[in-house]
Amino acid sequence: MSFGLPSVKVKPEHETEIAGHEGSFGLPNPMYHLNEEKMNMAMLRNIQGLHAPMKLSLERKFASKIGRLPFLPSSNLQHDVLTGRYLDIGFEDILNTPELREVAPQPHAFVERSLGIL
């Protein structure tokens, strides 16, 4: 007797067996995050209703739109916390630091270009 409600059990879209979320060289596979996020949103929608995944997606959208001045790098910490990726250590965390970049931007030139002065 289901009363027309969706099932609480999360079912994958495809009936393939996933070997694991580890990719080559023991690094996490980025596609695993996407599949895990889809399953979590489906489970959240089934348990709490449509408003919960919509609220989370709006929070992620607004977190990605937080801006800074053009010459300041953004760490996207809020977006990483909302997606749960702040716990993962990846290639970009070690080798993509601002102090290792070859070119240091000139702040005045960036701001003047964005304002249309240059």
C-alpha atoms as a PDB file:
ATOM      1  CA  MET A   1       0.000   0.000   0.000  1.00  0.00           C
ATOM      2  CA  SER A   2       2.004   2.972  -1.266  1.00  0.00           C
ATOM      3  CA  PHE A   3      -0.703   5.684  -1.523  1.00  0.00           C
ATOM      4  CA  GLY A   4       1.014   6.853  -4.726  1.00  0.00           C
ATOM      5  CA  LEU A   5       4.165   8.003  -2.877  1.00  0.00           C
ATOM      6  CA  PRO A   6       7.649   7.347  -4.268  1.00  0.00           C
ATOM      7  CA  SER A   7       9.742   4.633  -2.685  1.00  0.00           C
ATOM      8  CA  VAL A   8      12.098   5.573   0.149  1.00  0.00           C
ATOM      9  CA  LYS A   9      14.763   3.246  -1.207  1.00  0.00           C
ATOM     10  CA  VAL A  10      17.278   4.976  -3.439  1.00  0.00           C
ATOM     11  CA  LYS A  11      17.652   3.211  -6.760  1.00  0.00           C
ATOM     12  CA  PRO A  12      20.477   3.978  -9.215  1.00  0.00           C
ATOM     13  CA  GLU A  13      19.537   5.173 -12.673  1.00  0.00           C
ATOM     14  CA  HIS A  14      21.652   2.459 -14.312  1.00  0.00           C
ATOM     15  CA  GLU A  15      21.918  -1.142 -13.200  1.00  0.00           C
ATOM     16  CA  THR A  16      25.727  -1.286 -13.426  1.00  0.00           C
ATOM     17  CA  GLU A  17      27.984  -2.417 -10.633  1.00  0.00           C
ATOM     18  CA  ILE A  18      30.357   0.233  -9.336  1.00  0.00           C
ATOM     19  CA  ALA A  19      33.705  -1.274  -8.358  1.00  0.00           C
ATOM     20  CA  GLY A  20      34.644   1.543  -6.008  1.00  0.00           C
ATOM     21  CA  HIS A  21      35.086   5.253  -5.800  1.00  0.00           C
ATOM     22  CA  GLU A  22      38.868   5.071  -6.044  1.00  0.00           C
ATOM     23  CA  GLY A  23      40.304   5.900  -9.443  1.00  0.00           C
ATOM     24  CA  SER A  24      43.750   5.209 -10.803  1.00  0.00           C
ATOM     25  CA  PHE A  25      46.689   5.727  -8.456  1.00  0.00           C
ATOM     26  CA  GLY A  26      44.352   5.568  -5.445  1.00  0.00           C
ATOM     27  CA  LEU A  27      42.869   9.023  -6.104  1.00  0.00           C
ATOM     28  CA  PRO A  28      39.115   9.574  -5.771  1.00  0.00           C
ATOM     29  CA  ASN A  29      37.201   9.531  -9.014  1.00  0.00           C
ATOM     30  CA  PRO A  30      35.483  12.923  -9.633  1.00  0.00           C
ATOM     31  CA  MET A  31      32.460  11.196 -11.197  1.00  0.00           C
ATOM     32  CA  TYR A  32      31.846   9.429  -7.890  1.00  0.00           C
ATOM     33  CA  HIS A  33      31.042  12.795  -6.272  1.00  0.00           C
ATOM     34  CA  LEU A  34      28.414  13.510  -8.922  1.00  0.00           C
ATOM     35  CA  ASN A  35      26.740  10.110  -8.495  1.00  0.00           C
ATOM     36  CA  GLU A  36      26.873  10.382  -4.715  1.00  0.00           C
ATOM     37  CA  GLU A  37      25.354  13.872  -4.865  1.00  0.00           C
ATOM     38  CA  LYS A  38      22.501  12.691  -7.103  1.00  0.00           C
ATOM     39  CA  MET A  39      21.700   9.790  -4.791  1.00  0.00           C
ATOM     40  CA  ASN A  40      21.833  12.016  -1.707  1.00  0.00           C
ATOM     41  CA  MET A  41      19.481  14.542  -3.317  1.00  0.00           C
ATOM     42  CA  ALA A  42      17.050  11.785  -4.318  1.00  0.00           C
ATOM     43  CA  MET A  43      17.102  10.357  -0.807  1.00  0.00           C
ATOM     44  CA  LEU A  44      16.642  13.824   0.711  1.00  0.00           C
ATOM     45  CA  ARG A  45      13.708  14.504  -1.640  1.00  0.00           C
ATOM     46  CA  ASN A  46      12.065  11.207  -0.685  1.00  0.00           C
ATOM     47  CA  ILE A  47      12.535  11.729   3.048  1.00  0.00           C
ATOM     48  CA  GLN A  48      12.011  15.482   3.566  1.00  0.00           C
ATOM     49  CA  GLY A  49      10.214  16.583   0.431  1.00  0.00           C
ATOM     50  CA  LEU A  50      11.080  18.749  -2.534  1.00  0.00           C
ATOM     51  CA  HIS A  51      11.993  21.849  -0.510  1.00  0.00           C
ATOM     52  CA  ALA A  52      15.164  20.351   1.050  1.00  0.00           C
ATOM     53  CA  PRO A  53      17.128  19.641  -2.171  1.00  0.00           C
ATOM     54  CA  MET A  54      15.927  22.926  -3.631  1.00  0.00           C
ATOM     55  CA  LYS A  55      17.222  24.821  -0.600  1.00  0.00           C
ATOM     56  CA  LEU A  56      20.598  23.075  -0.778  1.00  0.00           C
ATOM     57  CA  SER A  57      20.942  23.752  -4.504  1.00  0.00           C
ATOM     58  CA  LEU A  58      20.108  27.434  -3.996  1.00  0.00           C
ATOM     59  CA  GLU A  59      22.683  27.667  -1.188  1.00  0.00           C
ATOM     60  CA  ARG A  60      25.305  26.139  -3.482  1.00  0.00           C
ATOM     61  CA  LYS A  61      24.356  28.498  -6.294  1.00  0.00           C
ATOM     62  CA  PHE A  62      24.674  31.552  -4.066  1.00  0.00           C
ATOM     63  CA  ALA A  63      27.940  30.282  -2.568  1.00  0.00           C
ATOM     64  CA  SER A  64      29.448  29.977  -6.053  1.00  0.00           C
ATOM     65  CA  LYS A  65      28.436  33.556  -6.898  1.00  0.00           C
ATOM     66  CA  ILE A  66      30.315  35.133  -3.992  1.00  0.00           C
ATOM     67  CA  GLY A  67      32.737  37.477  -5.642  1.00  0.00           C
ATOM     68  CA  ARG A  68      35.893  39.282  -4.768  1.00  0.00           C
ATOM     69  CA  LEU A  69      38.017  41.791  -6.534  1.00  0.00           C
ATOM     70  CA  PRO A  70      39.299  40.367  -9.821  1.00  0.00           C
ATOM     71  CA  PHE A  71      42.918  40.094  -8.688  1.00  0.00           C
ATOM     72  CA  LEU A  72      42.161  38.207  -5.458  1.00  0.00           C
ATOM     73  CA  PRO A  73      41.922  34.427  -5.739  1.00  0.00           C
ATOM     74  CA  SER A  74      38.869  32.837  -4.161  1.00  0.00           C
ATOM     75  CA  SER A  75      39.215  29.693  -2.081  1.00  0.00           C
ATOM     76  CA  ASN A  76      35.516  28.766  -2.530  1.00  0.00           C
ATOM     77  CA  LEU A  77      35.514  27.454   1.024  1.00  0.00           C
ATOM     78  CA  GLN A  78      31.757  27.918   1.518  1.00  0.00           C
ATOM     79  CA  HIS A  79      30.973  25.994  -1.666  1.00  0.00           C
ATOM     80  CA  ASP A  80      33.375  23.224  -0.654  1.00  0.00           C
ATOM     81  CA  VAL A  81      31.750  22.964   2.775  1.00  0.00           C
ATOM     82  CA  LEU A  82      28.253  22.762   1.272  1.00  0.00           C
ATOM     83  CA  THR A  83      29.303  20.035  -1.154  1.00  0.00           C
ATOM     84  CA  GLY A  84      31.451  18.163   1.368  1.00  0.00           C
ATOM     85  CA  ARG A  85      34.629  18.493  -0.683  1.00  0.00           C
ATOM     86  CA  TYR A  86      36.521  20.363   2.022  1.00  0.00           C
ATOM     87  CA  LEU A  87      37.551  16.974   3.415  1.00  0.00           C
ATOM     88  CA  ASP A  88      39.204  15.816   0.167  1.00  0.00           C
ATOM     89  CA  ILE A  89      42.807  16.603  -0.677  1.00  0.00           C
ATOM     90  CA  GLY A  90      43.335  16.841  -4.398  1.00  0.00           C
ATOM     91  CA  PHE A  91      45.877  17.913  -6.975  1.00  0.00           C
ATOM     92  CA  GLU A  92      44.686  21.520  -6.883  1.00  0.00           C
ATOM     93  CA  ASP A  93      45.201  21.747  -3.126  1.00  0.00           C
ATOM     94  CA  ILE A  94      48.912  21.007  -3.345  1.00  0.00           C
ATOM     95  CA  LEU A  95      50.137  22.296  -6.695  1.00  0.00           C
ATOM     96  CA  ASN A  96      47.730  25.161  -7.424  1.00  0.00           C
ATOM     97  CA  THR A  97      48.611  27.521  -4.602  1.00  0.00           C
ATOM     98  CA  PRO A  98      48.799  31.271  -5.353  1.00  0.00           C
ATOM     99  CA  GLU A  99      52.390  31.573  -4.173  1.00  0.00           C
ATOM    100  CA  LEU A 100      53.515  29.046  -6.815  1.00  0.00           C
ATOM    101  CA  ARG A 101      52.041  30.960  -9.751  1.00  0.00           C
ATOM    102  CA  GLU A 102      54.471  32.410 -12.253  1.00  0.00           C
ATOM    103  CA  VAL A 103      52.735  35.736 -12.843  1.00  0.00           C
ATOM    104  CA  ALA A 104      51.618  38.040 -10.065  1.00  0.00           C
ATOM    105  CA  PRO A 105      48.748  40.244 -11.288  1.00  0.00           C
ATOM    106  CA  GLN A 106      48.758  44.004 -10.936  1.00  0.00           C
ATOM    107  CA  PRO A 107      45.668  44.934  -8.927  1.00  0.00           C
ATOM    108  CA  HIS A 108      45.208  48.409 -10.391  1.00  0.00           C
ATOM    109  CA  ALA A 109      45.317  47.149 -13.977  1.00  0.00           C
ATOM    110  CA  PHE A 110      42.716  44.456 -13.254  1.00  0.00           C
ATOM    111  CA  VAL A 111      40.297  46.846 -11.535  1.00  0.00           C
ATOM    112  CA  GLU A 112      40.711  49.530 -14.205  1.00  0.00           C
ATOM    113  CA  ARG A 113      40.120  46.953 -16.957  1.00  0.00           C
ATOM    114  CA  SER A 114      36.974  45.667 -15.229  1.00  0.00           C
ATOM    115  CA  LEU A 115      35.672  49.227 -14.832  1.00  0.00           C
ATOM    116  CA  GLY A 116      36.409  50.032 -18.491  1.00  0.00           C
ATOM    117  CA  ILE A 117      39.007  52.696 -17.748  1.00  0.00           C
ATOM    118  CA  LEU A 118      41.802  50.920 -19.666  1.00  0.00           C
END
